[in-house]
Amino acid sequence: MTTAFSFQCDACCSHTQARAGTFHTPHGPVHTPRFMPVGTLANVKTVTPAQLATTGAQMVLSNTYHLHLQPGEDIVAEAGGLHQFMGWNGPMLTDSGGFQVFSLSQMRTITEAGVTFKSPKDGRIIHLQPETSIQIQNALGADVIMAFDECPPYPCSYETMKASTERTGRWLRRCIQAHQRPDQALFGIVQGGVYPNLRQSAAQDLAQLDLPGYAIGGVSVGEPPSLIESIVKATAPHLPDHKPRYLMGVGTYREMAQAIAAGVDLFDCVIPTRLARHGAALVGGDRWNLKNQRFRRDYTPLDATCPCYTCQNFSRAYLCHLIHAKEMLAFTLLSIHNITELVRFTQAMRSAILANRFTQDFGHWLGYNPVSASSAETLP
């Protein structure tokens, strides 16, 4: 693996496993902990790359499965790779497509070789194997690529989960053999469902492979939020300290804070743009429905402390008006704010770790060190 990838720990919390780090990639550093916006089809919905850069986002995700279906990895490669194709110059990560494929429960067949499924776009039969996923991601050209894994739903029996987790381990080794580009970092994914012993054994197995980074997968698949914390706590301590740790598909305040306390560095979620398309804003840990009539004559910004373009230039009343008028600009302005909000949240936790104030400033998200209600309702 090229030396362009490295992870350094800049500071550690003295009371938890939280850490502030720097993940170096060929397209620049990612200062962790960090929330990463999702750009499934080579775009973060309703937001231009220039607008996205103003949110503080450093690393962006795209999805192998969706880009394989449309426009095809060959077109992206001919355009010069994913960065050039979508006009984003910062670090990028591509998911393997495993989560999306396994969500097609009525349309796919799983074997040791891989997954066969019917394309929801045109009905053609597609065979996606660990080697295929890596070949697609090598063509797309993101900085970080993910191993192809099996992601069972919740609930899942112990026997089924054990067999699935072992298969994910075997598929990872096939991914490693298929990987051809030293300028891309291949991350392994720890599965194991809600079973601590499966999580621990899978993490220990993957750690022996000395990969550039590791992800915790198989969460946010229907399990209660309280189980996410226990899954992360059972997994993170068994992953190497000197490699980045990525919790896949999580982007809520409490779950990110709890995972950071357990030593996780990176997060992604579609929440900020999805909420925006439903007329909702993230403000100080709460979700506000801007369709509500109480905002019609509210001429204050969403959050006076927020530096985003939306909060610096527009009022709640204007956003309420755009939503009721069904103007596309509403989705763009709310997406800019919501992404900024989650990036700010992780940035604030990084700053607190560097100042050794993580538990003092974020204890209310961790379930201890009570603070006043007023301070708990706003971002630090």
Protein backbone atom coordinates (compact mmCIF):
# COMPACT_ATOMS: atom_id res chain seq x y z
CA MET A 1 0.00 0.00 0.00
CA THR A 2 1.31 3.41 -0.93
CA THR A 3 2.65 5.67 1.80
CA ALA A 4 0.10 8.28 0.66
CA PHE A 5 -2.19 6.66 3.23
CA SER A 6 -1.44 6.98 6.92
CA PHE A 7 -3.28 7.73 10.13
CA GLN A 8 -1.87 9.66 13.06
CA CYS A 9 -3.48 10.23 16.43
CA ASP A 10 -3.23 13.92 17.33
CA ALA A 11 -4.80 13.67 20.81
CA CYS A 12 -6.67 11.22 23.02
CA CYS A 13 -9.39 11.79 25.60
CA SER A 14 -8.20 11.01 29.12
CA HIS A 15 -11.58 9.56 30.17
CA THR A 16 -12.81 7.71 27.08
CA GLN A 17 -11.38 6.10 23.94
CA ALA A 18 -12.16 9.20 21.89
CA ARG A 19 -9.35 10.45 19.71
CA ALA A 20 -8.62 13.26 17.29
CA GLY A 21 -6.61 12.12 14.30
CA THR A 22 -5.49 12.90 10.78
CA PHE A 23 -6.09 10.45 7.95
CA HIS A 24 -3.75 11.25 5.06
CA THR A 25 -4.95 10.41 1.53
CA PRO A 26 -3.69 11.21 -2.00
CA HIS A 27 -6.33 13.96 -2.24
CA GLY A 28 -5.58 15.58 1.08
CA PRO A 29 -6.02 15.01 4.82
CA VAL A 30 -9.20 14.18 6.68
CA HIS A 31 -9.24 15.55 10.23
CA THR A 32 -11.12 13.15 12.46
CA PRO A 33 -13.58 12.59 13.93
CA ARG A 34 -15.48 13.60 10.83
CA PHE A 35 -18.89 13.28 9.27
CA MET A 36 -18.81 12.41 5.55
CA PRO A 37 -21.71 13.43 3.24
CA VAL A 38 -23.11 10.79 0.90
CA GLY A 39 -23.05 11.39 -2.85
CA THR A 40 -24.53 8.08 -4.00
CA LEU A 41 -24.61 8.75 -7.76
CA ALA A 42 -21.48 10.94 -7.88
CA ASN A 43 -23.33 13.93 -6.44
CA VAL A 44 -24.50 15.04 -3.02
CA LYS A 45 -28.15 15.65 -3.78
CA THR A 46 -29.11 19.27 -4.67
CA VAL A 47 -25.64 20.61 -3.73
CA THR A 48 -22.81 21.58 -6.09
CA PRO A 49 -19.21 20.62 -5.23
CA ALA A 50 -18.42 24.30 -4.61
CA GLN A 51 -21.33 24.59 -2.18
CA LEU A 52 -20.33 21.31 -0.55
CA ALA A 53 -16.83 22.64 0.08
CA THR A 54 -18.26 25.53 2.12
CA THR A 55 -19.89 23.08 4.58
CA GLY A 56 -16.53 21.93 5.92
CA ALA A 57 -16.91 18.50 4.33
CA GLN A 58 -13.56 16.89 3.60
CA MET A 59 -14.40 13.38 2.41
CA VAL A 60 -17.40 12.37 0.26
CA LEU A 61 -18.93 8.97 -0.48
CA SER A 62 -20.27 7.44 -3.68
CA ASN A 63 -21.75 4.01 -4.24
CA THR A 64 -20.38 1.17 -6.36
CA TYR A 65 -23.71 -0.54 -6.95
CA HIS A 66 -25.54 2.56 -8.17
CA LEU A 67 -22.67 3.81 -10.34
CA HIS A 68 -22.27 0.36 -11.88
CA LEU A 69 -25.94 0.45 -12.92
CA GLN A 70 -25.74 4.07 -14.11
CA PRO A 71 -23.70 5.41 -15.87
CA GLY A 72 -21.27 2.48 -15.61
CA GLU A 73 -17.75 2.46 -14.24
CA ASP A 74 -16.30 2.49 -17.79
CA ILE A 75 -17.79 5.93 -18.44
CA VAL A 76 -16.48 7.25 -15.12
CA ALA A 77 -13.02 5.86 -15.87
CA GLU A 78 -13.02 7.40 -19.36
CA ALA A 79 -13.89 10.75 -17.77
CA GLY A 80 -10.72 10.56 -15.70
CA GLY A 81 -12.09 8.88 -12.59
CA LEU A 82 -14.68 9.80 -10.01
CA HIS A 83 -12.97 12.99 -8.80
CA GLN A 84 -12.78 14.43 -12.30
CA PHE A 85 -16.22 13.15 -13.29
CA MET A 86 -18.06 14.88 -10.43
CA GLY A 87 -15.73 17.83 -9.94
CA TRP A 88 -14.72 17.06 -6.35
CA ASN A 89 -11.02 17.48 -5.57
CA GLY A 90 -11.06 16.20 -2.00
CA PRO A 91 -10.81 12.66 -0.64
CA MET A 92 -13.47 10.17 -1.74
CA LEU A 93 -14.71 6.77 -0.63
CA THR A 94 -16.81 4.22 -2.49
CA ASP A 95 -18.99 1.68 -0.72
CA SER A 96 -18.75 -1.85 -2.09
CA GLY A 97 -22.43 -2.08 -2.97
CA GLY A 98 -22.96 -4.89 -0.49
CA PHE A 99 -25.56 -3.08 1.60
CA GLN A 100 -27.60 -2.09 -1.46
CA VAL A 101 -27.45 -5.56 -3.01
CA PHE A 102 -28.50 -7.31 0.17
CA SER A 103 -31.40 -4.92 0.59
CA LEU A 104 -32.84 -6.49 -2.57
CA SER A 105 -34.02 -9.47 -0.54
CA GLN A 106 -36.68 -10.51 -3.06
CA MET A 107 -34.45 -10.09 -6.10
CA ARG A 108 -31.12 -11.76 -5.32
CA THR A 109 -29.44 -15.09 -4.62
CA ILE A 110 -26.39 -15.45 -2.38
CA THR A 111 -23.77 -18.14 -2.90
CA GLU A 112 -20.14 -18.51 -1.88
CA ALA A 113 -19.19 -17.09 -5.27
CA GLY A 114 -21.11 -13.86 -4.72
CA VAL A 115 -24.56 -12.41 -5.37
CA THR A 116 -26.81 -12.71 -8.39
CA PHE A 117 -29.61 -10.19 -8.69
CA LYS A 118 -31.98 -8.60 -11.14
CA SER A 119 -31.31 -4.96 -11.92
CA PRO A 120 -34.16 -2.80 -10.65
CA LYS A 121 -33.47 -0.45 -13.57
CA ASP A 122 -33.74 -2.71 -16.61
CA GLY A 123 -34.28 -6.24 -15.31
CA ARG A 124 -30.96 -7.62 -16.52
CA ILE A 125 -29.25 -10.28 -14.44
CA ILE A 126 -26.10 -9.06 -12.70
CA HIS A 127 -23.47 -11.22 -11.00
CA LEU A 128 -21.62 -9.24 -8.32
CA GLN A 129 -18.69 -10.97 -6.67
CA PRO A 130 -15.92 -9.70 -4.39
CA GLU A 131 -13.60 -9.51 -7.38
CA THR A 132 -16.22 -7.65 -9.46
CA SER A 133 -16.84 -5.09 -6.73
CA ILE A 134 -13.11 -4.38 -6.45
CA GLN A 135 -12.71 -4.14 -10.24
CA ILE A 136 -15.55 -1.61 -10.39
CA GLN A 137 -14.07 0.42 -7.54
CA ASN A 138 -10.61 0.30 -9.10
CA ALA A 139 -12.15 1.79 -12.25
CA LEU A 140 -14.07 4.46 -10.31
CA GLY A 141 -10.83 5.59 -8.65
CA ALA A 142 -11.88 6.76 -5.16
CA ASP A 143 -9.17 7.14 -2.52
CA VAL A 144 -10.78 4.57 -0.21
CA ILE A 145 -12.60 1.48 -1.42
CA MET A 146 -14.59 -0.99 0.66
CA ALA A 147 -14.44 -4.77 0.69
CA PHE A 148 -17.52 -6.62 -0.55
CA ASP A 149 -19.39 -7.94 2.46
CA GLU A 150 -22.64 -9.69 3.32
CA CYS A 151 -24.96 -7.49 5.36
CA PRO A 152 -27.78 -9.57 6.92
CA PRO A 153 -30.89 -7.81 8.20
CA TYR A 154 -32.00 -7.42 11.80
CA PRO A 155 -33.11 -9.65 13.44
CA CYS A 156 -30.92 -12.54 12.38
CA SER A 157 -30.28 -15.85 14.13
CA TYR A 158 -26.88 -16.55 15.62
CA GLU A 159 -26.24 -19.46 13.26
CA THR A 160 -27.13 -17.44 10.17
CA MET A 161 -25.06 -14.47 11.33
CA LYS A 162 -22.06 -16.66 12.12
CA ALA A 163 -22.09 -18.21 8.65
CA SER A 164 -22.53 -14.77 7.07
CA THR A 165 -19.69 -13.22 9.08
CA GLU A 166 -17.34 -16.05 8.14
CA ARG A 167 -18.27 -15.63 4.48
CA THR A 168 -17.53 -11.90 4.71
CA GLY A 169 -14.06 -12.82 5.99
CA ARG A 170 -13.46 -15.16 3.06
CA TRP A 171 -14.75 -12.55 0.62
CA LEU A 172 -12.37 -9.97 2.11
CA ARG A 173 -9.39 -12.15 1.27
CA ARG A 174 -10.63 -12.43 -2.30
CA CYS A 175 -10.98 -8.63 -2.40
CA ILE A 176 -7.38 -8.25 -1.27
CA GLN A 177 -6.20 -10.58 -4.05
CA ALA A 178 -8.26 -8.70 -6.66
CA HIS A 179 -7.17 -5.20 -5.60
CA GLN A 180 -4.84 -3.71 -8.24
CA ARG A 181 -4.31 -0.04 -7.37
CA PRO A 182 -1.82 0.99 -4.68
CA ASP A 183 -3.21 4.55 -4.80
CA GLN A 184 -6.47 3.25 -3.30
CA ALA A 185 -6.81 2.11 0.31
CA LEU A 186 -8.90 -1.03 0.79
CA PHE A 187 -10.88 -1.09 4.05
CA GLY A 188 -12.21 -4.30 5.56
CA ILE A 189 -15.68 -4.42 7.11
CA VAL A 190 -16.45 -6.05 10.46
CA GLN A 191 -19.80 -7.82 10.54
CA GLY A 192 -21.34 -9.96 13.28
CA GLY A 193 -24.73 -8.44 13.93
CA VAL A 194 -25.69 -7.92 17.57
CA TYR A 195 -23.52 -10.81 18.79
CA PRO A 196 -20.46 -9.50 20.69
CA ASN A 197 -18.38 -12.65 20.31
CA LEU A 198 -18.89 -12.65 16.52
CA ARG A 199 -17.96 -8.96 16.34
CA GLN A 200 -14.84 -9.47 18.43
CA SER A 201 -13.61 -12.52 16.54
CA ALA A 202 -14.27 -10.84 13.18
CA ALA A 203 -12.43 -7.68 14.26
CA GLN A 204 -9.45 -9.69 15.49
CA ASP A 205 -9.37 -11.68 12.25
CA LEU A 206 -9.42 -8.55 10.11
CA ALA A 207 -6.82 -6.78 12.25
CA GLN A 208 -4.30 -9.51 11.41
CA LEU A 209 -4.52 -8.55 7.73
CA ASP A 210 -2.95 -5.12 8.38
CA LEU A 211 -5.30 -3.18 6.11
CA PRO A 212 -5.12 0.63 5.72
CA GLY A 213 -8.40 1.02 7.62
CA TYR A 214 -11.39 -0.77 9.08
CA ALA A 215 -15.15 -0.27 9.07
CA ILE A 216 -17.91 -1.43 11.38
CA GLY A 217 -20.80 -2.48 9.16
CA GLY A 218 -24.20 -4.04 9.65
CA VAL A 219 -25.68 -1.30 11.83
CA SER A 220 -28.68 0.90 11.06
CA VAL A 221 -30.35 -2.15 9.50
CA GLY A 222 -33.40 -2.10 11.75
CA GLU A 223 -31.93 -2.63 15.21
CA PRO A 224 -32.85 -0.30 18.10
CA PRO A 225 -30.42 2.67 18.39
CA SER A 226 -29.35 1.45 21.84
CA LEU A 227 -27.77 -1.61 20.23
CA ILE A 228 -25.51 0.49 18.02
CA GLU A 229 -23.52 1.62 21.06
CA SER A 230 -23.09 -1.92 22.34
CA ILE A 231 -22.02 -3.15 18.89
CA VAL A 232 -19.41 -0.41 18.58
CA LYS A 233 -18.12 -0.98 22.10
CA ALA A 234 -17.75 -4.69 21.37
CA THR A 235 -15.87 -4.05 18.13
CA ALA A 236 -13.70 -0.93 18.23
CA PRO A 237 -11.26 -2.06 20.98
CA HIS A 238 -10.23 -5.01 18.81
CA LEU A 239 -9.28 -2.86 15.80
CA PRO A 240 -5.74 -1.45 15.40
CA ASP A 241 -5.10 1.87 17.15
CA HIS A 242 -2.98 3.20 14.28
CA LYS A 243 -5.62 2.78 11.58
CA PRO A 244 -8.81 4.80 10.91
CA ARG A 245 -12.12 3.32 12.09
CA TYR A 246 -15.29 3.98 10.15
CA LEU A 247 -18.86 3.40 11.41
CA MET A 248 -20.98 2.91 8.31
CA GLY A 249 -24.41 4.46 7.86
CA VAL A 250 -24.58 6.39 11.15
CA GLY A 251 -25.07 10.15 11.30
CA THR A 252 -27.23 10.95 14.32
CA TYR A 253 -25.87 13.11 17.14
CA ARG A 254 -26.04 10.69 20.07
CA GLU A 255 -24.88 7.66 18.12
CA MET A 256 -21.89 9.56 16.67
CA ALA A 257 -20.91 10.93 20.09
CA GLN A 258 -21.13 7.48 21.66
CA ALA A 259 -19.13 5.92 18.84
CA ILE A 260 -16.46 8.62 19.06
CA ALA A 261 -16.20 7.90 22.78
CA ALA A 262 -15.49 4.28 21.81
CA GLY A 263 -12.73 5.30 19.39
CA VAL A 264 -14.47 5.66 16.00
CA ASP A 265 -13.15 8.25 13.54
CA LEU A 266 -15.40 8.45 10.47
CA PHE A 267 -19.16 8.47 9.82
CA ASP A 268 -21.52 8.72 6.87
CA CYS A 269 -25.27 9.00 6.48
CA VAL A 270 -27.88 10.28 4.01
CA ILE A 271 -29.78 12.04 6.82
CA PRO A 272 -28.83 15.69 6.09
CA THR A 273 -29.94 15.72 2.45
CA ARG A 274 -32.88 13.37 2.95
CA LEU A 275 -34.28 15.56 5.71
CA ALA A 276 -33.75 18.62 3.52
CA ARG A 277 -35.87 17.09 0.77
CA HIS A 278 -38.64 16.67 3.33
CA GLY A 279 -38.39 20.31 4.46
CA ALA A 280 -36.59 19.56 7.73
CA ALA A 281 -33.56 21.23 9.32
CA LEU A 282 -31.11 19.98 11.93
CA VAL A 283 -30.70 22.63 14.62
CA GLY A 284 -28.83 22.03 17.86
CA GLY A 285 -29.59 18.33 17.94
CA ASP A 286 -33.26 18.72 17.03
CA ARG A 287 -35.18 18.27 13.79
CA TRP A 288 -37.32 21.21 12.76
CA ASN A 289 -40.14 20.89 10.27
CA LEU A 290 -39.91 24.13 8.29
CA LYS A 291 -43.37 23.49 6.84
CA ASN A 292 -44.76 24.43 10.24
CA GLN A 293 -46.80 27.63 10.19
CA ARG A 294 -44.94 28.99 13.21
CA PHE A 295 -42.04 29.80 10.87
CA ARG A 296 -44.08 31.91 8.41
CA ARG A 297 -43.19 35.20 10.11
CA ASP A 298 -39.96 34.15 11.80
CA TYR A 299 -37.31 36.40 10.25
CA THR A 300 -34.37 35.03 12.23
CA PRO A 301 -31.81 32.60 10.78
CA LEU A 302 -32.12 28.88 11.44
CA ASP A 303 -29.14 29.10 13.80
CA ALA A 304 -27.48 32.43 14.51
CA THR A 305 -24.25 30.63 15.47
CA CYS A 306 -24.04 28.64 12.23
CA PRO A 307 -21.54 29.90 9.62
CA CYS A 308 -23.25 28.23 6.66
CA TYR A 309 -24.43 30.16 3.59
CA THR A 310 -28.07 29.49 4.47
CA CYS A 311 -27.92 30.81 8.01
CA GLN A 312 -25.84 33.81 7.03
CA ASN A 313 -28.21 34.95 4.29
CA PHE A 314 -31.77 33.71 4.77
CA SER A 315 -34.51 33.59 7.37
CA ARG A 316 -36.72 30.79 8.64
CA ALA A 317 -39.65 32.60 7.04
CA TYR A 318 -37.98 32.52 3.63
CA LEU A 319 -37.21 28.80 3.94
CA CYS A 320 -40.80 28.15 5.01
CA HIS A 321 -42.00 30.09 1.96
CA LEU A 322 -39.73 28.15 -0.45
CA ILE A 323 -40.94 24.82 0.92
CA HIS A 324 -44.62 25.70 0.60
CA ALA A 325 -43.97 27.08 -2.88
CA LYS A 326 -42.20 23.80 -3.76
CA GLU A 327 -39.11 25.67 -4.90
CA MET A 328 -36.00 23.54 -5.51
CA LEU A 329 -33.87 26.17 -3.79
CA ALA A 330 -35.36 25.05 -0.47
CA PHE A 331 -33.71 21.64 -0.81
CA THR A 332 -30.34 23.20 -1.65
CA LEU A 333 -30.37 25.68 1.24
CA LEU A 334 -31.50 23.09 3.78
CA SER A 335 -28.96 20.55 2.53
CA ILE A 336 -26.15 23.10 2.88
CA HIS A 337 -27.21 23.83 6.44
CA ASN A 338 -27.81 20.21 7.49
CA ILE A 339 -24.46 19.01 6.17
CA THR A 340 -22.71 21.94 7.85
CA GLU A 341 -24.50 21.09 11.09
CA LEU A 342 -23.26 17.49 11.22
CA VAL A 343 -19.75 18.45 10.10
CA ARG A 344 -19.70 21.16 12.81
CA PHE A 345 -20.84 18.62 15.38
CA THR A 346 -17.94 16.29 14.65
CA GLN A 347 -15.53 19.21 14.36
CA ALA A 348 -16.63 20.44 17.78
CA MET A 349 -15.93 17.01 19.23
CA ARG A 350 -12.50 17.02 17.62
CA SER A 351 -11.76 20.42 19.18
CA ALA A 352 -12.97 19.17 22.56
CA ILE A 353 -10.70 16.11 22.36
CA LEU A 354 -7.72 18.30 21.45
CA ALA A 355 -8.49 20.49 24.48
CA ASN A 356 -9.13 17.42 26.69
CA ARG A 357 -12.72 18.58 27.29
CA PHE A 358 -14.62 15.84 25.50
CA THR A 359 -16.54 14.51 28.50
CA GLN A 360 -17.18 18.01 29.87
CA ASP A 361 -18.55 19.34 26.57
CA PHE A 362 -20.29 16.23 25.27
CA GLY A 363 -21.23 14.28 28.36
CA HIS A 364 -24.93 15.00 27.81
CA TRP A 365 -24.78 13.03 24.56
CA LEU A 366 -23.04 10.17 26.34
CA GLY A 367 -25.61 9.81 29.09
CA TYR A 368 -23.55 11.23 31.96
CA ASN A 369 -22.02 14.47 33.22
CA PRO A 370 -25.38 16.29 33.17
CA VAL A 371 -25.51 19.85 31.89
CA SER A 372 -28.26 22.40 31.92
CA ALA A 373 -31.12 21.89 29.49
CA SER A 374 -30.34 25.13 27.71
CA SER A 375 -26.76 24.16 26.91
CA ALA A 376 -27.81 20.64 25.89
CA GLU A 377 -30.10 22.02 23.20
CA THR A 378 -27.40 23.81 21.24
CA LEU A 379 -24.17 22.74 19.63
CA PRO A 380 -21.02 23.59 21.56
